[in-house]
């Protein structure tokens, strides 16, 4: 079974293993608003699915993740909007990173090629 979240993240579940894949390989999986939303949806799905025993997180194409897609970040709104703590003590940027640590199952990151983080400093 494969779930697609916001055309940016695919999750395939087989034998208790959730294969979560960033699917924007043409842009080296750069983080844009849809990618953030897709990762948030995938995190919620994994957290809420008891059949999942572990997660493998990977990126499609030549690299794991090129970091922020700066050209698309203007559509996320004013800094006050994007810095809102809508995920407990975290904003959306922090949640897509910390959310993997908060899952009740092990997460393995299959990193290859380009691997930069996305960050926003307030």
C-alpha atoms as a PDB file:
ATOM      1  CA  UNK A   1       0.000   0.000   0.000  1.00  0.00           C
ATOM      2  CA  UNK A   2       1.322   3.433  -0.947  1.00  0.00           C
ATOM      3  CA  UNK A   3       0.033   6.752   0.387  1.00  0.00           C
ATOM      4  CA  UNK A   4       0.995  10.037  -1.302  1.00  0.00           C
ATOM      5  CA  UNK A   5       1.079  13.226   0.770  1.00  0.00           C
ATOM      6  CA  UNK A   6       0.870  16.552  -1.108  1.00  0.00           C
ATOM      7  CA  UNK A   7       2.647  15.112  -4.206  1.00  0.00           C
ATOM      8  CA  UNK A   8       5.932  15.454  -2.325  1.00  0.00           C
ATOM      9  CA  UNK A   9       6.108  12.494   0.051  1.00  0.00           C
ATOM     10  CA  UNK A  10       5.265   8.843  -0.615  1.00  0.00           C
ATOM     11  CA  UNK A  11       4.811   6.280   2.131  1.00  0.00           C
ATOM     12  CA  UNK A  12       4.789   2.585   1.311  1.00  0.00           C
ATOM     13  CA  UNK A  13       3.913   0.185   4.116  1.00  0.00           C
ATOM     14  CA  UNK A  14       4.966  -3.468   3.912  1.00  0.00           C
ATOM     15  CA  UNK A  15       5.626  -5.973   6.704  1.00  0.00           C
ATOM     16  CA  UNK A  16       5.506  -3.248   9.369  1.00  0.00           C
ATOM     17  CA  UNK A  17       8.151  -1.114   7.620  1.00  0.00           C
ATOM     18  CA  UNK A  18       7.132   2.348   6.452  1.00  0.00           C
ATOM     19  CA  UNK A  19       9.271   3.474   3.521  1.00  0.00           C
ATOM     20  CA  UNK A  20       8.896   7.272   3.552  1.00  0.00           C
ATOM     21  CA  UNK A  21      10.372   8.860   0.450  1.00  0.00           C
ATOM     22  CA  UNK A  22      10.765  12.525  -0.483  1.00  0.00           C
ATOM     23  CA  UNK A  23       9.571  12.593  -4.107  1.00  0.00           C
ATOM     24  CA  UNK A  24      10.838  15.841  -5.533  1.00  0.00           C
ATOM     25  CA  UNK A  25      13.945  14.372  -7.127  1.00  0.00           C
ATOM     26  CA  UNK A  26      13.979  16.900  -9.980  1.00  0.00           C
ATOM     27  CA  UNK A  27      14.712  19.592  -7.356  1.00  0.00           C
ATOM     28  CA  UNK A  28      16.970  17.370  -5.194  1.00  0.00           C
ATOM     29  CA  UNK A  29      14.033  17.109  -2.765  1.00  0.00           C
ATOM     30  CA  UNK A  30      14.333  20.774  -1.785  1.00  0.00           C
ATOM     31  CA  UNK A  31      11.903  21.758   0.964  1.00  0.00           C
ATOM     32  CA  UNK A  32       9.001  23.881  -0.279  1.00  0.00           C
ATOM     33  CA  UNK A  33       5.640  24.508   1.456  1.00  0.00           C
ATOM     34  CA  UNK A  34       4.076  21.369  -0.098  1.00  0.00           C
ATOM     35  CA  UNK A  35       7.064  19.271   1.054  1.00  0.00           C
ATOM     36  CA  UNK A  36       6.675  20.587   4.613  1.00  0.00           C
ATOM     37  CA  UNK A  37       2.954  19.716   4.522  1.00  0.00           C
ATOM     38  CA  UNK A  38       3.709  16.266   3.088  1.00  0.00           C
ATOM     39  CA  UNK A  39       6.274  15.504   5.787  1.00  0.00           C
ATOM     40  CA  UNK A  40       3.860  16.651   8.511  1.00  0.00           C
ATOM     41  CA  UNK A  41       1.150  14.374   7.058  1.00  0.00           C
ATOM     42  CA  UNK A  42       3.561  11.426   6.842  1.00  0.00           C
ATOM     43  CA  UNK A  43       4.659  11.957  10.462  1.00  0.00           C
ATOM     44  CA  UNK A  44       1.032  11.948  11.616  1.00  0.00           C
ATOM     45  CA  UNK A  45       0.292   8.803   9.599  1.00  0.00           C
ATOM     46  CA  UNK A  46       3.250   6.943  11.091  1.00  0.00           C
ATOM     47  CA  UNK A  47       2.412   8.114  14.611  1.00  0.00           C
ATOM     48  CA  UNK A  48      -1.227   7.016  14.258  1.00  0.00           C
ATOM     49  CA  UNK A  49      -0.641   3.633  12.555  1.00  0.00           C
ATOM     50  CA  UNK A  50      -0.054   0.894  15.101  1.00  0.00           C
ATOM     51  CA  UNK A  51       1.083  -1.619  12.444  1.00  0.00           C
ATOM     52  CA  UNK A  52       4.256   0.375  11.732  1.00  0.00           C
ATOM     53  CA  UNK A  53       7.319  -1.036  13.529  1.00  0.00           C
ATOM     54  CA  UNK A  54      10.021   1.124  11.904  1.00  0.00           C
ATOM     55  CA  UNK A  55      10.557   3.836   9.281  1.00  0.00           C
ATOM     56  CA  UNK A  56      13.110   4.175   6.499  1.00  0.00           C
ATOM     57  CA  UNK A  57      13.338   7.809   5.355  1.00  0.00           C
ATOM     58  CA  UNK A  58      14.930   8.462   1.966  1.00  0.00           C
ATOM     59  CA  UNK A  59      15.010  10.870  -0.949  1.00  0.00           C
ATOM     60  CA  UNK A  60      14.252  10.137  -4.593  1.00  0.00           C
ATOM     61  CA  UNK A  61      16.829  10.866  -7.266  1.00  0.00           C
ATOM     62  CA  UNK A  62      20.425  12.025  -6.917  1.00  0.00           C
ATOM     63  CA  UNK A  63      20.213  13.416  -3.391  1.00  0.00           C
ATOM     64  CA  UNK A  64      18.486  13.065  -0.057  1.00  0.00           C
ATOM     65  CA  UNK A  65      17.526  16.746   0.381  1.00  0.00           C
ATOM     66  CA  UNK A  66      19.004  20.022  -0.882  1.00  0.00           C
ATOM     67  CA  UNK A  67      17.612  22.049   2.055  1.00  0.00           C
ATOM     68  CA  UNK A  68      15.193  24.939   1.681  1.00  0.00           C
ATOM     69  CA  UNK A  69      13.800  25.879  -1.711  1.00  0.00           C
ATOM     70  CA  UNK A  70      14.299  29.595  -1.112  1.00  0.00           C
ATOM     71  CA  UNK A  71      12.395  30.602  -4.254  1.00  0.00           C
ATOM     72  CA  UNK A  72       9.188  29.066  -2.893  1.00  0.00           C
ATOM     73  CA  UNK A  73       9.455  30.127   0.747  1.00  0.00           C
ATOM     74  CA  UNK A  74       7.797  33.517   0.170  1.00  0.00           C
ATOM     75  CA  UNK A  75       4.456  31.735  -0.204  1.00  0.00           C
ATOM     76  CA  UNK A  76       4.594  30.557   3.423  1.00  0.00           C
ATOM     77  CA  UNK A  77       3.588  34.001   4.682  1.00  0.00           C
ATOM     78  CA  UNK A  78       5.101  36.484   7.065  1.00  0.00           C
ATOM     79  CA  UNK A  79       7.716  35.240   9.554  1.00  0.00           C
ATOM     80  CA  UNK A  80       5.196  35.564  12.413  1.00  0.00           C
ATOM     81  CA  UNK A  81       2.816  33.177  10.613  1.00  0.00           C
ATOM     82  CA  UNK A  82       5.417  30.519   9.910  1.00  0.00           C
ATOM     83  CA  UNK A  83       6.969  30.777  13.365  1.00  0.00           C
ATOM     84  CA  UNK A  84       3.681  29.972  15.126  1.00  0.00           C
ATOM     85  CA  UNK A  85       4.093  27.045  17.543  1.00  0.00           C
ATOM     86  CA  UNK A  86       1.365  24.933  15.942  1.00  0.00           C
ATOM     87  CA  UNK A  87       3.005  21.592  16.815  1.00  0.00           C
ATOM     88  CA  UNK A  88       3.310  21.700  20.580  1.00  0.00           C
ATOM     89  CA  UNK A  89       6.459  23.653  21.317  1.00  0.00           C
ATOM     90  CA  UNK A  90       7.582  23.576  17.679  1.00  0.00           C
ATOM     91  CA  UNK A  91       6.844  25.510  14.515  1.00  0.00           C
ATOM     92  CA  UNK A  92       6.481  23.652  11.215  1.00  0.00           C
ATOM     93  CA  UNK A  93      10.212  23.904  10.420  1.00  0.00           C
ATOM     94  CA  UNK A  94      11.191  22.388  13.754  1.00  0.00           C
ATOM     95  CA  UNK A  95       8.443  19.767  13.598  1.00  0.00           C
ATOM     96  CA  UNK A  96       9.609  18.251  10.289  1.00  0.00           C
ATOM     97  CA  UNK A  97      12.986  17.604  11.968  1.00  0.00           C
ATOM     98  CA  UNK A  98      12.000  16.820  15.571  1.00  0.00           C
ATOM     99  CA  UNK A  99       8.904  14.868  14.578  1.00  0.00           C
ATOM    100  CA  UNK A 100      11.020  11.879  13.539  1.00  0.00           C
ATOM    101  CA  UNK A 101      12.561  11.744  17.026  1.00  0.00           C
ATOM    102  CA  UNK A 102       9.143  11.832  18.668  1.00  0.00           C
ATOM    103  CA  UNK A 103       7.815   8.776  16.826  1.00  0.00           C
ATOM    104  CA  UNK A 104       7.320   5.621  18.916  1.00  0.00           C
ATOM    105  CA  UNK A 105       9.336   3.541  16.395  1.00  0.00           C
ATOM    106  CA  UNK A 106      12.941   3.594  15.129  1.00  0.00           C
ATOM    107  CA  UNK A 107      13.683   5.789  12.111  1.00  0.00           C
ATOM    108  CA  UNK A 108      16.574   5.082   9.742  1.00  0.00           C
ATOM    109  CA  UNK A 109      17.603   7.892   7.391  1.00  0.00           C
ATOM    110  CA  UNK A 110      18.973   6.482   4.127  1.00  0.00           C
ATOM    111  CA  UNK A 111      21.000   9.567   3.216  1.00  0.00           C
ATOM    112  CA  UNK A 112      22.773   9.804  -0.136  1.00  0.00           C
ATOM    113  CA  UNK A 113      24.142  12.549  -2.361  1.00  0.00           C
ATOM    114  CA  UNK A 114      23.158  16.062  -1.366  1.00  0.00           C
ATOM    115  CA  UNK A 115      22.035  16.261   2.257  1.00  0.00           C
ATOM    116  CA  UNK A 116      21.433  19.756   3.635  1.00  0.00           C
ATOM    117  CA  UNK A 117      19.019  20.709   6.374  1.00  0.00           C
ATOM    118  CA  UNK A 118      16.307  23.298   6.161  1.00  0.00           C
ATOM    119  CA  UNK A 119      16.339  25.970   8.822  1.00  0.00           C
ATOM    120  CA  UNK A 120      14.771  29.261   9.729  1.00  0.00           C
ATOM    121  CA  UNK A 121      16.318  31.515  12.307  1.00  0.00           C
ATOM    122  CA  UNK A 122      14.115  33.938  14.231  1.00  0.00           C
END
